[in-house]
Amino acid sequence: MSDTEESTTIGSMEEEALKRKQRLDELRNKRKNSETNSSNSNAKSQIQLPKPKFRNYNPSDKNLQENLLPKSRPENGMNELLSKIIIDLTKLAPKKIDWDLKRNIAKKMDKLERKTQIAIAELISMFFLLFWWSR
């Protein structure tokens, strides 16, 4: 490397160092400004507190009576609510207690009913045969 090349690299390094120092100074200044601004804004926010809204509470202090909200009326949507609530009363009637038991044994009862009818028919036919022969 020659002397001219070394001097240019050293000069460019010094320039970069100066640029870096300037950027750091700018960042420090921004930070200081933001801290002073935030302290001012904190003071402002402490001064301007939100006013309370009294919906369910009646304040006894006369100064707070100004923030009392007027009473609201829920009647506006009552008709719509009633129309949604009205349901067919037959749907609300309770089912009989044994409805599930009857459903479960329905097939067995059908078979038993057929056997019962057959047994009754046999008894009647036997009765007629006996009655017919006894004459």
Protein backbone atom coordinates (compact mmCIF):
# COMPACT_ATOMS: atom_id res chain seq x y z
CA MET A 1 0.00 0.00 0.00
CA SER A 2 1.21 3.43 -0.77
CA ASP A 3 1.10 6.54 1.39
CA THR A 4 -1.70 8.12 -0.62
CA GLU A 5 -3.95 5.13 -0.17
CA GLU A 6 -3.32 5.06 3.59
CA SER A 7 -3.99 8.75 3.95
CA THR A 8 -7.29 8.45 2.05
CA THR A 9 -8.44 5.55 4.23
CA ILE A 10 -7.46 7.39 7.40
CA GLY A 11 -9.23 10.53 6.16
CA SER A 12 -12.39 8.60 5.32
CA MET A 13 -12.34 6.92 8.74
CA GLU A 14 -12.08 10.30 10.44
CA GLU A 15 -14.99 11.57 8.37
CA GLU A 16 -17.08 8.55 9.37
CA ALA A 17 -16.19 9.13 13.03
CA LEU A 18 -17.32 12.76 12.77
CA LYS A 19 -20.59 11.71 11.13
CA ARG A 20 -21.15 9.16 13.92
CA LYS A 21 -20.56 11.83 16.59
CA GLN A 22 -23.03 14.16 14.91
CA ARG A 23 -25.70 11.43 14.79
CA LEU A 24 -25.14 10.62 18.47
CA ASP A 25 -25.44 14.30 19.39
CA GLU A 26 -28.69 14.55 17.43
CA LEU A 27 -30.08 11.48 19.21
CA ARG A 28 -29.13 12.94 22.62
CA ASN A 29 -30.88 16.20 21.76
CA LYS A 30 -34.00 14.36 20.61
CA ARG A 31 -34.07 12.35 23.83
CA LYS A 32 -33.73 15.48 25.97
CA ASN A 33 -36.50 17.20 24.00
CA SER A 34 -38.80 14.22 24.29
CA GLU A 35 -38.21 13.98 28.06
CA THR A 36 -39.06 17.64 28.56
CA ASN A 37 -42.11 17.27 26.30
CA SER A 38 -43.30 14.19 28.15
CA SER A 39 -42.95 15.93 31.52
CA ASN A 40 -44.99 18.83 30.15
CA SER A 41 -47.61 16.48 28.77
CA ASN A 42 -47.76 14.63 32.11
CA ALA A 43 -48.44 17.91 33.83
CA LYS A 44 -51.16 18.70 31.30
CA SER A 45 -52.75 15.28 31.64
CA GLN A 46 -52.82 15.63 35.40
CA ILE A 47 -54.60 18.92 35.08
CA GLN A 48 -57.21 17.66 32.62
CA LEU A 49 -58.81 14.72 34.37
CA PRO A 50 -61.90 13.14 32.80
CA LYS A 51 -65.20 14.06 34.36
CA PRO A 52 -67.02 11.20 36.10
CA LYS A 53 -70.32 10.00 34.67
CA PHE A 54 -72.86 9.09 37.32
CA ARG A 55 -75.27 6.52 35.92
CA ASN A 56 -76.41 4.63 39.01
CA TYR A 57 -75.11 6.89 41.75
CA ASN A 58 -76.61 10.13 42.97
CA PRO A 59 -73.77 12.32 44.26
CA SER A 60 -74.42 14.42 47.33
CA ASP A 61 -71.95 17.14 46.32
CA LYS A 62 -73.54 19.96 44.31
CA ASN A 63 -70.46 20.31 42.11
CA LEU A 64 -70.81 16.71 41.00
CA GLN A 65 -74.53 17.04 40.26
CA GLU A 66 -73.59 18.60 36.90
CA ASN A 67 -72.13 15.25 35.76
CA LEU A 68 -75.28 13.32 36.60
CA LEU A 69 -76.69 11.61 33.51
CA PRO A 70 -80.44 11.66 32.82
CA LYS A 71 -82.41 8.54 33.65
CA SER A 72 -82.68 6.17 30.71
CA ARG A 73 -85.87 4.35 29.83
CA PRO A 74 -85.70 0.71 28.70
CA GLU A 75 -89.19 0.87 27.15
CA ASN A 76 -87.88 1.57 23.64
CA GLY A 77 -87.00 -2.02 22.79
CA MET A 78 -89.59 -3.71 24.99
CA ASN A 79 -92.03 -4.51 22.16
CA GLU A 80 -89.29 -6.09 20.06
CA LEU A 81 -88.15 -8.14 23.04
CA LEU A 82 -91.68 -9.35 23.77
CA SER A 83 -92.22 -10.42 20.17
CA LYS A 84 -89.07 -12.53 20.33
CA ILE A 85 -90.01 -14.10 23.66
CA ILE A 86 -93.53 -15.23 22.70
CA ILE A 87 -93.28 -18.95 21.89
CA ASP A 88 -95.84 -21.59 21.10
CA LEU A 89 -97.08 -22.89 24.46
CA THR A 90 -97.33 -26.48 23.21
CA LYS A 91 -93.56 -26.51 22.80
CA LEU A 92 -93.15 -25.46 26.41
CA ALA A 93 -95.46 -28.15 27.83
CA PRO A 94 -93.42 -30.84 29.56
CA LYS A 95 -93.38 -34.34 28.15
CA LYS A 96 -94.80 -37.16 30.17
CA ILE A 97 -92.38 -38.71 32.58
CA ASP A 98 -92.30 -42.13 30.95
CA TRP A 99 -92.08 -41.07 27.29
CA ASP A 100 -88.58 -42.48 26.88
CA LEU A 101 -89.56 -45.80 28.47
CA LYS A 102 -92.51 -46.14 26.13
CA ARG A 103 -90.33 -45.34 23.15
CA ASN A 104 -87.77 -47.99 24.15
CA ILE A 105 -90.30 -50.82 24.60
CA ALA A 106 -92.56 -49.98 21.65
CA LYS A 107 -91.19 -52.81 19.44
CA LYS A 108 -91.54 -55.37 22.21
CA MET A 109 -95.08 -54.20 22.90
CA ASP A 110 -96.00 -54.64 19.21
CA LYS A 111 -94.78 -58.24 19.27
CA LEU A 112 -96.61 -58.88 22.53
CA GLU A 113 -99.80 -57.33 21.13
CA ARG A 114 -99.71 -59.68 18.13
CA LYS A 115 -99.17 -62.71 20.40
CA THR A 116 -102.01 -61.54 22.65
CA GLN A 117 -104.38 -61.23 19.67
CA ILE A 118 -103.44 -64.74 18.53
CA ALA A 119 -103.99 -66.13 22.05
CA ILE A 120 -107.40 -64.41 22.32
CA ALA A 121 -108.40 -65.82 18.92
CA GLU A 122 -107.41 -69.34 20.03
CA LEU A 123 -109.37 -69.00 23.28
CA ILE A 124 -112.46 -67.84 21.41
CA SER A 125 -112.17 -70.66 18.90
CA MET A 126 -111.76 -73.18 21.75
CA PHE A 127 -114.75 -71.74 23.53
CA PHE A 128 -116.88 -72.06 20.41
CA LEU A 129 -115.69 -75.61 19.81
CA LEU A 130 -116.49 -76.61 23.37
CA PHE A 131 -119.79 -74.82 23.27
CA TRP A 132 -120.62 -76.35 19.90
CA TRP A 133 -119.79 -79.87 21.06
CA SER A 134 -121.61 -79.52 24.30
CA ARG A 135 -124.90 -78.90 22.57
